Amino acid sequence: MPVKIGLYCMNEIYNCKSIYEGVLHSSKVFPDSYVIMAFIGVVKGNGPGFSRLFERLIRGSWSLTLMEFMHPSCNTKISTMAAIVFIIDRHTDWLMISKPFVFFCVASACIYFRLSTTLLDTNDPFSPIENVVCLLLFGGIWDALARALAIDEQSQISRANNLRARALKADTLSKGSRTNIDKPSILKSKN
């Protein structure tokens, strides 16, 4: 197991180097296209994930749902994160730290994510972040709030209807009890 962990660490450092070189080379060829820079960095960082699509196409077991773009693996997400950080470091002044330290931080994050998937048996360490972002951006929290408000309005209407029904029932009972009380007194007066 320690040998495997060491190999995983070296592999992640090499992947970070590939991502950085892909972003660097594509920024020289396409200096204003950040999407192409990120795409080249992701493909260089996770080449086997994207070449698996062509392998499946050749074998005849191709499916649209198994595309890396539709259901990205953890390696693709890590490569995307690293490529975005390298693009931000190269083309903006937002990160006021040296380039080797940026590379060290990205490589450390990649190693952490890889080891967390290996040692802790997590399928995707990005899933908690994705769940929160999906709730906030794609309507999950707003839909739940709308449903809660609709249920609250419906419950208020049903409570008001129940109160009205109880009041009518109490009113009819009180009228009925008055007539029952009055009838015996009338009967007594006739006798």
N, C-alpha and C. Protein backbone atom coordinates (compact mmCIF):
# COMPACT_ATOMS: atom_id res chain seq x y z
N MET A 1 0.81 -1.20 0.00
CA MET A 1 0.00 0.00 0.00
C MET A 1 0.86 1.27 0.00
N PRO A 2 1.96 1.35 0.77
CA PRO A 2 2.77 2.58 0.72
C PRO A 2 3.37 2.84 -0.66
N VAL A 3 3.72 1.77 -1.38
CA VAL A 3 4.27 1.94 -2.73
C VAL A 3 3.20 2.51 -3.65
N LYS A 4 1.96 2.01 -3.49
CA LYS A 4 0.85 2.49 -4.31
C LYS A 4 0.58 3.98 -4.04
N ILE A 5 0.64 4.37 -2.77
CA ILE A 5 0.41 5.77 -2.42
C ILE A 5 1.51 6.66 -3.02
N GLY A 6 2.75 6.19 -2.97
CA GLY A 6 3.85 6.96 -3.57
C GLY A 6 3.68 7.10 -5.08
N LEU A 7 3.24 6.01 -5.73
CA LEU A 7 3.02 6.07 -7.18
C LEU A 7 1.86 7.01 -7.52
N TYR A 8 0.81 6.99 -6.71
CA TYR A 8 -0.30 7.91 -6.93
C TYR A 8 0.15 9.36 -6.80
N CYS A 9 0.99 9.64 -5.82
CA CYS A 9 1.49 11.01 -5.63
C CYS A 9 2.32 11.46 -6.83
N MET A 10 3.21 10.58 -7.30
CA MET A 10 4.03 10.93 -8.47
C MET A 10 3.16 11.11 -9.71
N ASN A 11 2.13 10.28 -9.86
CA ASN A 11 1.23 10.39 -11.00
C ASN A 11 0.49 11.73 -10.98
N GLU A 12 0.03 12.15 -9.81
CA GLU A 12 -0.68 13.43 -9.72
C GLU A 12 0.25 14.61 -10.00
N ILE A 13 1.49 14.52 -9.55
CA ILE A 13 2.45 15.60 -9.87
C ILE A 13 2.69 15.65 -11.37
N TYR A 14 2.80 14.49 -12.01
CA TYR A 14 2.99 14.47 -13.45
C TYR A 14 1.75 15.00 -14.18
N ASN A 15 0.56 14.64 -13.68
CA ASN A 15 -0.67 15.17 -14.29
C ASN A 15 -0.73 16.69 -14.17
N CYS A 16 -0.34 17.23 -13.01
CA CYS A 16 -0.33 18.69 -12.84
C CYS A 16 0.66 19.34 -13.80
N LYS A 17 1.79 18.70 -13.99
CA LYS A 17 2.78 19.22 -14.95
C LYS A 17 2.20 19.19 -16.36
N SER A 18 1.49 18.13 -16.71
CA SER A 18 0.86 18.04 -18.04
C SER A 18 -0.21 19.12 -18.21
N ILE A 19 -1.00 19.33 -17.19
CA ILE A 19 -2.05 20.36 -17.26
C ILE A 19 -1.41 21.73 -17.43
N TYR A 20 -0.38 22.01 -16.67
CA TYR A 20 0.30 23.31 -16.76
C TYR A 20 0.90 23.51 -18.14
N GLU A 21 1.55 22.48 -18.67
CA GLU A 21 2.14 22.61 -20.01
C GLU A 21 1.06 22.77 -21.08
N GLY A 22 -0.08 22.09 -20.92
CA GLY A 22 -1.17 22.24 -21.87
C GLY A 22 -1.73 23.65 -21.86
N VAL A 23 -1.92 24.22 -20.66
CA VAL A 23 -2.41 25.60 -20.56
C VAL A 23 -1.37 26.57 -21.11
N LEU A 24 -0.11 26.34 -20.81
CA LEU A 24 0.97 27.22 -21.29
C LEU A 24 1.06 27.20 -22.81
N HIS A 25 1.04 26.02 -23.41
CA HIS A 25 1.15 25.92 -24.86
C HIS A 25 -0.09 26.50 -25.55
N SER A 26 -1.27 26.19 -25.05
CA SER A 26 -2.48 26.71 -25.70
C SER A 26 -2.63 28.22 -25.50
N SER A 27 -2.05 28.76 -24.43
CA SER A 27 -2.11 30.22 -24.26
C SER A 27 -1.18 30.93 -25.25
N LYS A 28 -0.16 30.25 -25.72
CA LYS A 28 0.70 30.84 -26.76
C LYS A 28 0.02 30.79 -28.13
N VAL A 29 -0.70 29.70 -28.40
CA VAL A 29 -1.36 29.54 -29.70
C VAL A 29 -2.67 30.33 -29.74
N PHE A 30 -3.46 30.26 -28.68
CA PHE A 30 -4.75 30.96 -28.58
C PHE A 30 -4.71 31.88 -27.36
N PRO A 31 -4.12 33.07 -27.50
CA PRO A 31 -3.89 33.90 -26.31
C PRO A 31 -5.15 34.47 -25.65
N ASP A 32 -6.25 34.57 -26.37
CA ASP A 32 -7.46 35.17 -25.79
C ASP A 32 -8.59 34.18 -25.56
N SER A 33 -8.36 32.91 -25.80
CA SER A 33 -9.42 31.92 -25.66
C SER A 33 -9.19 31.07 -24.41
N TYR A 34 -9.86 31.47 -23.34
CA TYR A 34 -9.69 30.78 -22.07
C TYR A 34 -10.34 29.41 -22.06
N VAL A 35 -11.41 29.25 -22.82
CA VAL A 35 -12.09 27.96 -22.87
C VAL A 35 -11.20 26.91 -23.54
N ILE A 36 -10.54 27.28 -24.61
CA ILE A 36 -9.64 26.35 -25.29
C ILE A 36 -8.45 26.01 -24.39
N MET A 37 -7.95 27.01 -23.66
CA MET A 37 -6.85 26.74 -22.73
C MET A 37 -7.28 25.72 -21.67
N ALA A 38 -8.46 25.92 -21.12
CA ALA A 38 -8.94 24.99 -20.10
C ALA A 38 -9.19 23.60 -20.70
N PHE A 39 -9.76 23.55 -21.90
CA PHE A 39 -10.03 22.26 -22.54
C PHE A 39 -8.74 21.49 -22.80
N ILE A 40 -7.73 22.18 -23.35
CA ILE A 40 -6.45 21.51 -23.63
C ILE A 40 -5.81 21.04 -22.32
N GLY A 41 -5.87 21.86 -21.28
CA GLY A 41 -5.32 21.45 -19.99
C GLY A 41 -6.03 20.23 -19.42
N VAL A 42 -7.36 20.20 -19.54
CA VAL A 42 -8.13 19.06 -19.02
C VAL A 42 -7.83 17.80 -19.82
N VAL A 43 -7.75 17.92 -21.12
CA VAL A 43 -7.47 16.74 -21.95
C VAL A 43 -6.06 16.22 -21.69
N LYS A 44 -5.10 17.12 -21.50
CA LYS A 44 -3.74 16.66 -21.19
C LYS A 44 -3.66 16.05 -19.80
N GLY A 45 -4.45 16.55 -18.87
CA GLY A 45 -4.42 16.02 -17.51
C GLY A 45 -5.17 14.72 -17.36
N ASN A 46 -6.23 14.52 -18.15
CA ASN A 46 -7.02 13.30 -18.05
C ASN A 46 -7.23 12.71 -19.44
N GLY A 47 -6.15 12.42 -20.11
CA GLY A 47 -6.21 11.85 -21.45
C GLY A 47 -6.92 10.51 -21.52
N PRO A 48 -6.63 9.59 -20.59
CA PRO A 48 -7.30 8.28 -20.67
C PRO A 48 -8.83 8.36 -20.53
N GLY A 49 -9.31 9.31 -19.79
CA GLY A 49 -10.76 9.46 -19.65
C GLY A 49 -11.43 9.86 -20.95
N PHE A 50 -10.75 10.68 -21.74
CA PHE A 50 -11.32 11.12 -23.02
C PHE A 50 -11.04 10.12 -24.14
N SER A 51 -9.92 9.42 -24.06
CA SER A 51 -9.63 8.42 -25.10
C SER A 51 -10.49 7.17 -24.90
N ARG A 52 -11.03 6.97 -23.72
CA ARG A 52 -11.91 5.84 -23.46
C ARG A 52 -13.17 5.91 -24.32
N LEU A 53 -13.61 7.13 -24.65
CA LEU A 53 -14.78 7.30 -25.52
C LEU A 53 -14.52 6.70 -26.90
N PHE A 54 -13.35 6.97 -27.46
CA PHE A 54 -13.02 6.43 -28.78
C PHE A 54 -12.79 4.92 -28.71
N GLU A 55 -12.23 4.46 -27.61
CA GLU A 55 -12.05 3.02 -27.43
C GLU A 55 -13.39 2.30 -27.41
N ARG A 56 -14.36 2.86 -26.72
CA ARG A 56 -15.70 2.26 -26.68
C ARG A 56 -16.38 2.32 -28.04
N LEU A 57 -16.12 3.40 -28.77
CA LEU A 57 -16.69 3.53 -30.11
C LEU A 57 -16.14 2.45 -31.03
N ILE A 58 -14.85 2.17 -30.93
CA ILE A 58 -14.24 1.14 -31.77
C ILE A 58 -14.71 -0.25 -31.37
N ARG A 59 -14.87 -0.49 -30.06
CA ARG A 59 -15.32 -1.80 -29.59
C ARG A 59 -16.80 -2.03 -29.89
N GLY A 60 -17.55 -0.97 -30.09
CA GLY A 60 -18.97 -1.11 -30.38
C GLY A 60 -19.85 -1.01 -29.16
N SER A 61 -19.31 -0.62 -28.02
CA SER A 61 -20.11 -0.48 -26.80
C SER A 61 -20.26 0.99 -26.44
N TRP A 62 -20.48 1.80 -27.45
CA TRP A 62 -20.57 3.24 -27.23
C TRP A 62 -21.97 3.61 -26.75
N SER A 63 -22.01 4.50 -25.79
CA SER A 63 -23.30 4.99 -25.29
C SER A 63 -23.14 6.47 -24.99
N LEU A 64 -24.18 7.20 -25.24
CA LEU A 64 -24.13 8.65 -25.03
C LEU A 64 -24.01 9.00 -23.55
N THR A 65 -24.53 8.14 -22.70
CA THR A 65 -24.49 8.43 -21.26
C THR A 65 -23.12 8.18 -20.65
N LEU A 66 -22.24 7.50 -21.35
CA LEU A 66 -20.91 7.20 -20.82
C LEU A 66 -19.85 8.20 -21.28
N MET A 67 -20.28 9.29 -21.89
CA MET A 67 -19.32 10.30 -22.33
C MET A 67 -18.74 11.03 -21.13
N GLU A 68 -17.48 11.39 -21.23
CA GLU A 68 -16.80 12.08 -20.13
C GLU A 68 -17.35 13.48 -19.91
N PHE A 69 -17.90 14.08 -20.95
CA PHE A 69 -18.48 15.42 -20.80
C PHE A 69 -19.82 15.37 -20.07
N MET A 70 -20.57 14.28 -20.25
CA MET A 70 -21.88 14.18 -19.63
C MET A 70 -21.79 13.80 -18.16
N HIS A 71 -20.91 12.87 -17.83
CA HIS A 71 -20.70 12.42 -16.46
C HIS A 71 -19.20 12.46 -16.17
N PRO A 72 -18.67 13.63 -15.81
CA PRO A 72 -17.22 13.73 -15.60
C PRO A 72 -16.77 12.92 -14.40
N SER A 73 -15.63 12.29 -14.56
CA SER A 73 -15.05 11.54 -13.45
C SER A 73 -14.34 12.50 -12.50
N CYS A 74 -13.88 11.95 -11.40
CA CYS A 74 -13.19 12.77 -10.41
C CYS A 74 -11.89 13.34 -11.00
N ASN A 75 -11.20 12.57 -11.82
CA ASN A 75 -9.96 13.05 -12.45
C ASN A 75 -10.23 14.22 -13.39
N THR A 76 -11.34 14.17 -14.11
CA THR A 76 -11.70 15.28 -14.99
C THR A 76 -12.00 16.53 -14.19
N LYS A 77 -12.69 16.38 -13.08
CA LYS A 77 -13.00 17.53 -12.23
C LYS A 77 -11.74 18.13 -11.63
N ILE A 78 -10.83 17.27 -11.20
CA ILE A 78 -9.56 17.76 -10.65
C ILE A 78 -8.76 18.48 -11.73
N SER A 79 -8.73 17.91 -12.93
CA SER A 79 -8.00 18.54 -14.04
C SER A 79 -8.63 19.88 -14.42
N THR A 80 -9.94 19.96 -14.39
CA THR A 80 -10.62 21.23 -14.69
C THR A 80 -10.28 22.28 -13.65
N MET A 81 -10.31 21.89 -12.38
CA MET A 81 -9.96 22.82 -11.31
C MET A 81 -8.52 23.32 -11.47
N ALA A 82 -7.61 22.40 -11.75
CA ALA A 82 -6.19 22.78 -11.91
C ALA A 82 -6.00 23.69 -13.11
N ALA A 83 -6.67 23.38 -14.23
CA ALA A 83 -6.53 24.21 -15.43
C ALA A 83 -7.06 25.62 -15.18
N ILE A 84 -8.17 25.74 -14.48
CA ILE A 84 -8.72 27.07 -14.19
C ILE A 84 -7.78 27.86 -13.29
N VAL A 85 -7.21 27.20 -12.29
CA VAL A 85 -6.27 27.91 -11.41
C VAL A 85 -5.02 28.34 -12.19
N PHE A 86 -4.51 27.50 -13.07
CA PHE A 86 -3.34 27.89 -13.86
C PHE A 86 -3.66 29.03 -14.83
N ILE A 87 -4.87 29.04 -15.39
CA ILE A 87 -5.26 30.14 -16.28
C ILE A 87 -5.38 31.43 -15.48
N ILE A 88 -5.99 31.37 -14.32
CA ILE A 88 -6.11 32.57 -13.48
C ILE A 88 -4.74 33.08 -13.08
N ASP A 89 -3.83 32.17 -12.74
CA ASP A 89 -2.48 32.57 -12.35
C ASP A 89 -1.73 33.20 -13.52
N ARG A 90 -1.92 32.67 -14.70
CA ARG A 90 -1.14 33.15 -15.85
C ARG A 90 -1.68 34.46 -16.42
N HIS A 91 -2.99 34.65 -16.42
CA HIS A 91 -3.57 35.78 -17.15
C HIS A 91 -4.19 36.86 -16.29
N THR A 92 -4.18 36.72 -14.99
CA THR A 92 -4.73 37.76 -14.13
C THR A 92 -3.74 38.05 -13.01
N ASP A 93 -4.04 39.09 -12.25
CA ASP A 93 -3.22 39.43 -11.09
C ASP A 93 -3.95 39.11 -9.79
N TRP A 94 -4.90 38.20 -9.85
CA TRP A 94 -5.67 37.86 -8.66
C TRP A 94 -4.84 37.09 -7.65
N LEU A 95 -3.97 36.21 -8.13
CA LEU A 95 -3.13 35.42 -7.22
C LEU A 95 -1.78 36.11 -7.09
N MET A 96 -1.53 36.65 -5.93
CA MET A 96 -0.28 37.39 -5.71
C MET A 96 0.79 36.51 -5.08
N ILE A 97 0.93 35.31 -5.61
CA ILE A 97 1.97 34.41 -5.12
C ILE A 97 2.79 33.92 -6.30
N SER A 98 3.91 33.35 -6.02
CA SER A 98 4.81 32.93 -7.11
C SER A 98 4.24 31.71 -7.84
N LYS A 99 4.67 31.55 -9.08
CA LYS A 99 4.17 30.45 -9.91
C LYS A 99 4.55 29.08 -9.35
N PRO A 100 5.77 28.89 -8.82
CA PRO A 100 6.05 27.57 -8.22
C PRO A 100 5.17 27.25 -7.02
N PHE A 101 4.81 28.27 -6.24
CA PHE A 101 3.94 28.01 -5.10
C PHE A 101 2.52 27.68 -5.55
N VAL A 102 2.06 28.31 -6.64
CA VAL A 102 0.75 27.97 -7.20
C VAL A 102 0.76 26.51 -7.66
N PHE A 103 1.84 26.12 -8.35
CA PHE A 103 1.96 24.74 -8.80
C PHE A 103 1.97 23.78 -7.61
N PHE A 104 2.69 24.15 -6.55
CA PHE A 104 2.74 23.31 -5.35
C PHE A 104 1.36 23.17 -4.72
N CYS A 105 0.62 24.26 -4.64
CA CYS A 105 -0.74 24.21 -4.05
C CYS A 105 -1.68 23.35 -4.88
N VAL A 106 -1.61 23.51 -6.20
CA VAL A 106 -2.49 22.73 -7.08
C VAL A 106 -2.10 21.25 -7.00
N ALA A 107 -0.81 20.96 -7.02
CA ALA A 107 -0.37 19.56 -6.93
C ALA A 107 -0.77 18.96 -5.58
N SER A 108 -0.67 19.73 -4.52
CA SER A 108 -1.08 19.24 -3.19
C SER A 108 -2.58 18.95 -3.16
N ALA A 109 -3.38 19.83 -3.76
CA ALA A 109 -4.82 19.59 -3.81
C ALA A 109 -5.14 18.35 -4.64
N CYS A 110 -4.46 18.18 -5.75
CA CYS A 110 -4.69 17.00 -6.59
C CYS A 110 -4.31 15.72 -5.84
N ILE A 111 -3.18 15.76 -5.14
CA ILE A 111 -2.77 14.59 -4.35
C ILE A 111 -3.78 14.30 -3.25
N TYR A 112 -4.25 15.35 -2.59
CA TYR A 112 -5.25 15.18 -1.53
C TYR A 112 -6.52 14.52 -2.07
N PHE A 113 -7.03 15.02 -3.21
CA PHE A 113 -8.25 14.46 -3.77
C PHE A 113 -8.04 13.01 -4.22
N ARG A 114 -6.89 12.73 -4.79
CA ARG A 114 -6.60 11.36 -5.25
C ARG A 114 -6.50 10.40 -4.06
N LEU A 115 -5.81 10.83 -3.01
CA LEU A 115 -5.67 9.96 -1.85
C LEU A 115 -6.98 9.82 -1.08
N SER A 116 -7.81 10.87 -1.10
CA SER A 116 -9.11 10.74 -0.42
C SER A 116 -10.00 9.76 -1.16
N THR A 117 -9.93 9.72 -2.48
CA THR A 117 -10.72 8.73 -3.22
C THR A 117 -10.16 7.33 -3.03
N THR A 118 -8.85 7.21 -2.83
CA THR A 118 -8.23 5.90 -2.69
C THR A 118 -8.35 5.36 -1.26
N LEU A 119 -7.95 6.15 -0.29
CA LEU A 119 -7.89 5.66 1.08
C LEU A 119 -9.22 5.70 1.81
N LEU A 120 -10.03 6.71 1.54
CA LEU A 120 -11.29 6.86 2.26
C LEU A 120 -12.48 6.25 1.53
N ASP A 121 -12.24 5.67 0.38
CA ASP A 121 -13.28 5.04 -0.43
C ASP A 121 -14.44 5.97 -0.75
N THR A 122 -14.12 7.22 -1.04
CA THR A 122 -15.15 8.14 -1.50
C THR A 122 -15.16 8.12 -3.02
N ASN A 123 -16.35 8.12 -3.59
CA ASN A 123 -16.45 8.10 -5.05
C ASN A 123 -16.07 9.44 -5.65
N ASP A 124 -16.53 10.51 -5.02
CA ASP A 124 -16.29 11.84 -5.57
C ASP A 124 -16.17 12.83 -4.42
N PRO A 125 -14.97 13.36 -4.17
CA PRO A 125 -14.83 14.33 -3.08
C PRO A 125 -15.46 15.68 -3.39
N PHE A 126 -15.85 15.91 -4.64
CA PHE A 126 -16.49 17.16 -5.02
C PHE A 126 -18.00 17.14 -4.80
N SER A 127 -18.57 15.99 -4.46
CA SER A 127 -20.03 15.89 -4.37
C SER A 127 -20.65 16.80 -3.30
N PRO A 128 -20.05 17.03 -2.12
CA PRO A 128 -20.69 17.98 -1.20
C PRO A 128 -20.75 19.40 -1.76
N ILE A 129 -19.69 19.81 -2.43
CA ILE A 129 -19.66 21.15 -3.03
C ILE A 129 -20.68 21.23 -4.16
N GLU A 130 -20.75 20.18 -4.99
CA GLU A 130 -21.70 20.16 -6.10
C GLU A 130 -23.14 20.19 -5.60
N ASN A 131 -23.42 19.48 -4.52
CA ASN A 131 -24.78 19.46 -3.98
C ASN A 131 -25.21 20.84 -3.52
N VAL A 132 -24.32 21.55 -2.84
CA VAL A 132 -24.66 22.90 -2.36
C VAL A 132 -24.85 23.85 -3.54
N VAL A 133 -23.94 23.79 -4.50
CA VAL A 133 -24.04 24.68 -5.67
C VAL A 133 -25.31 24.38 -6.46
N CYS A 134 -25.64 23.11 -6.64
CA CYS A 134 -26.87 22.76 -7.36
C CYS A 134 -28.10 23.24 -6.63
N LEU A 135 -28.09 23.13 -5.29
CA LEU A 135 -29.24 23.63 -4.54
C LEU A 135 -29.40 25.12 -4.70
N LEU A 136 -28.29 25.86 -4.68
CA LEU A 136 -28.37 27.31 -4.74
C LEU A 136 -28.63 27.83 -6.15
N LEU A 137 -27.96 27.27 -7.14
CA LEU A 137 -28.03 27.82 -8.49
C LEU A 137 -29.12 27.22 -9.37
N PHE A 138 -29.40 25.95 -9.20
CA PHE A 138 -30.29 25.29 -10.14
C PHE A 138 -31.67 25.02 -9.58
N GLY A 139 -32.08 25.78 -8.59
CA GLY A 139 -33.47 25.78 -8.18
C GLY A 139 -33.87 24.84 -7.08
N GLY A 140 -33.00 24.04 -6.55
CA GLY A 140 -33.40 23.11 -5.52
C GLY A 140 -33.93 23.82 -4.28
N ILE A 141 -33.23 24.81 -3.81
CA ILE A 141 -33.66 25.50 -2.60
C ILE A 141 -34.87 26.38 -2.89
N TRP A 142 -34.91 26.95 -4.08
CA TRP A 142 -36.05 27.81 -4.43
C TRP A 142 -37.31 26.98 -4.62
N ASP A 143 -37.17 25.79 -5.22
CA ASP A 143 -38.33 24.91 -5.38
C ASP A 143 -38.85 24.45 -4.02
N ALA A 144 -37.93 24.10 -3.12
CA ALA A 144 -38.35 23.67 -1.78
C ALA A 144 -39.04 24.80 -1.04
N LEU A 145 -38.53 26.01 -1.19
CA LEU A 145 -39.15 27.17 -0.54
C LEU A 145 -40.54 27.43 -1.11
N ALA A 146 -40.67 27.33 -2.43
CA ALA A 146 -41.98 27.54 -3.06
C ALA A 146 -42.98 26.47 -2.62
N ARG A 147 -42.50 25.21 -2.53
CA ARG A 147 -43.38 24.14 -2.06
C ARG A 147 -43.80 24.38 -0.62
N ALA A 148 -42.86 24.82 0.21
CA ALA A 148 -43.17 25.07 1.62
C ALA A 148 -44.18 26.20 1.75
N LEU A 149 -44.01 27.24 0.95
CA LEU A 149 -44.97 28.34 1.01
C LEU A 149 -46.34 27.92 0.49
N ALA A 150 -46.36 27.10 -0.55
CA ALA A 150 -47.63 26.62 -1.09
C ALA A 150 -48.32 25.72 -0.06
N ILE A 151 -47.56 24.87 0.59
CA ILE A 151 -48.14 24.00 1.62
C ILE A 151 -48.64 24.86 2.78
N ASP A 152 -47.88 25.89 3.12
CA ASP A 152 -48.28 26.77 4.22
C ASP A 152 -49.58 27.49 3.87
N GLU A 153 -49.69 27.98 2.63
CA GLU A 153 -50.93 28.64 2.21
C GLU A 153 -52.09 27.66 2.22
N GLN A 154 -51.85 26.45 1.73
CA GLN A 154 -52.91 25.44 1.73
C GLN A 154 -53.32 25.08 3.15
N SER A 155 -52.35 24.97 4.03
CA SER A 155 -52.69 24.62 5.41
C SER A 155 -53.46 25.77 6.08
N GLN A 156 -53.12 27.01 5.75
CA GLN A 156 -53.87 28.13 6.31
C GLN A 156 -55.31 28.14 5.79
N ILE A 157 -55.49 27.85 4.53
CA ILE A 157 -56.83 27.79 3.95
C ILE A 157 -57.61 26.64 4.59
N SER A 158 -56.97 25.48 4.74
CA SER A 158 -57.68 24.36 5.36
C SER A 158 -57.99 24.64 6.82
N ARG A 159 -57.08 25.33 7.55
CA ARG A 159 -57.38 25.71 8.93
C ARG A 159 -58.57 26.67 9.00
N ALA A 160 -58.60 27.64 8.08
CA ALA A 160 -59.73 28.57 8.06
C ALA A 160 -61.04 27.84 7.76
N ASN A 161 -60.98 26.90 6.82
CA ASN A 161 -62.19 26.13 6.51
C ASN A 161 -62.62 25.28 7.69
N ASN A 162 -61.65 24.68 8.40
CA ASN A 162 -61.98 23.89 9.59
C ASN A 162 -62.61 24.77 10.67
N LEU A 163 -62.06 25.97 10.86
CA LEU A 163 -62.62 26.88 11.86
C LEU A 163 -64.05 27.29 11.50
N ARG A 164 -64.28 27.56 10.19
CA ARG A 164 -65.63 27.91 9.75
C ARG A 164 -66.59 26.75 9.99
N ALA A 165 -66.14 25.54 9.65
CA ALA A 165 -66.99 24.36 9.84
C ALA A 165 -67.31 24.17 11.31
N ARG A 166 -66.31 24.35 12.18
CA ARG A 166 -66.55 24.21 13.61
C ARG A 166 -67.52 25.28 14.12
N ALA A 167 -67.35 26.49 13.63
CA ALA A 167 -68.24 27.58 14.05
C ALA A 167 -69.67 27.30 13.61
N LEU A 168 -69.84 26.83 12.36
CA LEU A 168 -71.18 26.49 11.88
C LEU A 168 -71.78 25.34 12.68
N LYS A 169 -70.95 24.36 12.98
CA LYS A 169 -71.42 23.22 13.76
C LYS A 169 -71.82 23.66 15.16
N ALA A 170 -70.98 24.50 15.77
CA ALA A 170 -71.31 25.00 17.10
C ALA A 170 -72.57 25.85 17.05
N ASP A 171 -72.72 26.63 16.01
CA ASP A 171 -73.90 27.47 15.87
C ASP A 171 -75.16 26.62 15.71
N THR A 172 -75.08 25.59 14.88
CA THR A 172 -76.25 24.73 14.70
C THR A 172 -76.55 23.95 15.97
N LEU A 173 -75.51 23.54 16.69
CA LEU A 173 -75.75 22.84 17.95
C LEU A 173 -76.39 23.76 18.99
N SER A 174 -75.91 25.01 19.01
CA SER A 174 -76.49 25.93 20.00
C SER A 174 -77.93 26.27 19.62
N LYS A 175 -78.25 26.39 18.34
CA LYS A 175 -79.63 26.63 17.92
C LYS A 175 -80.49 25.42 18.23
N GLY A 176 -79.95 24.23 18.00
CA GLY A 176 -80.68 23.01 18.27
C GLY A 176 -80.93 22.83 19.76
N SER A 177 -79.98 23.19 20.58
CA SER A 177 -80.15 23.05 22.02
C SER A 177 -81.16 24.06 22.53
N ARG A 178 -81.20 25.23 21.91
CA ARG A 178 -82.21 26.22 22.31
C ARG A 178 -83.61 25.73 21.98
N THR A 179 -83.76 25.13 20.83
CA THR A 179 -85.09 24.64 20.46
C THR A 179 -85.47 23.46 21.33
N ASN A 180 -84.52 22.62 21.72
CA ASN A 180 -84.83 21.51 22.62
C ASN A 180 -85.21 22.01 24.01
N ILE A 181 -84.56 23.05 24.44
CA ILE A 181 -84.88 23.60 25.76
C ILE A 181 -86.25 24.27 25.71
N ASP A 182 -86.54 24.97 24.63
CA ASP A 182 -87.82 25.67 24.53
C ASP A 182 -88.99 24.71 24.38
N LYS A 183 -88.80 23.59 23.70
CA LYS A 183 -89.90 22.64 23.48
C LYS A 183 -90.42 22.06 24.79
N PRO A 184 -89.59 21.60 25.69
CA PRO A 184 -90.14 21.07 26.94
C PRO A 184 -90.88 22.14 27.74
N SER A 185 -90.41 23.35 27.69
CA SER A 185 -91.11 24.39 28.43
C SER A 185 -92.48 24.65 27.82
N ILE A 186 -92.60 24.54 26.53
CA ILE A 186 -93.89 24.71 25.86
C ILE A 186 -94.77 23.54 26.21
N LEU A 187 -94.19 22.35 26.25
CA LEU A 187 -94.99 21.18 26.58
C LEU A 187 -95.49 21.26 28.03
N LYS A 188 -94.66 21.77 28.91
CA LYS A 188 -95.05 21.89 30.32
C LYS A 188 -96.17 22.91 30.47
N SER A 189 -96.10 23.98 29.69
CA SER A 189 -97.12 25.01 29.82
C SER A 189 -98.47 24.53 29.29
N LYS A 190 -98.46 23.62 28.31
CA LYS A 190 -99.71 23.09 27.77
C LYS A 190 -100.35 22.13 28.76
N ASN A 191 -99.62 21.47 29.56
CA ASN A 191 -100.18 20.51 30.52
C ASN A 191 -100.67 21.24 31.67
